[in-house]
Amino acid sequence: MATPVTLQSKDLLGSHHAINIEHNGQRYLLQTTRAGKLILTK
């Protein structure tokens, strides 16, 4: 298996607190909490 790419969450989110990610026709929500944690929901 190839080594996974590492991305910074700020590069994905920018100035937003939440973004939608589409994967295999499904939409997911990636968001940050007030505590600075990440949550990915379907």
Protein backbone atom coordinates (compact mmCIF):
# COMPACT_ATOMS: atom_id res chain seq x y z
CA MET A 1 0.00 0.00 0.00
CA ALA A 2 1.25 3.51 -0.82
CA THR A 3 2.08 6.00 1.90
CA PRO A 4 -0.93 8.27 2.55
CA VAL A 5 -0.69 11.96 1.66
CA THR A 6 -0.78 14.32 4.66
CA LEU A 7 -2.92 17.47 4.28
CA GLN A 8 -3.41 20.24 6.80
CA SER A 9 -7.04 20.73 7.82
CA LYS A 10 -6.66 24.49 7.25
CA ASP A 11 -5.80 23.73 3.61
CA LEU A 12 -9.12 21.90 3.24
CA LEU A 13 -11.29 24.20 5.33
CA GLY A 14 -9.68 27.57 4.67
CA SER A 15 -11.62 30.19 6.64
CA HIS A 16 -14.74 27.98 6.81
CA HIS A 17 -15.82 25.93 9.81
CA ALA A 18 -17.44 23.28 7.60
CA ILE A 19 -17.13 21.91 4.07
CA ASN A 20 -18.93 19.28 2.02
CA ILE A 21 -16.90 16.40 0.60
CA GLU A 22 -18.36 14.25 -2.16
CA HIS A 23 -17.18 10.63 -2.29
CA ASN A 24 -18.62 7.94 -4.56
CA GLY A 25 -21.80 9.95 -5.09
CA GLN A 26 -22.32 10.46 -1.33
CA ARG A 27 -22.02 13.82 0.39
CA TYR A 28 -20.19 14.14 3.72
CA LEU A 29 -19.83 17.12 6.03
CA LEU A 30 -16.40 17.85 7.55
CA GLN A 31 -16.62 20.39 10.36
CA THR A 32 -14.59 21.73 13.25
CA THR A 33 -15.87 21.92 16.81
CA ARG A 34 -15.31 24.78 19.23
CA ALA A 35 -12.68 22.57 20.90
CA GLY A 36 -10.77 22.34 17.60
CA LYS A 37 -11.65 18.72 16.84
CA LEU A 38 -12.82 17.43 13.46
CA ILE A 39 -16.13 15.67 12.81
CA LEU A 40 -16.99 13.86 9.57
CA THR A 41 -20.66 12.97 9.15
CA LYS A 42 -22.75 11.54 6.34
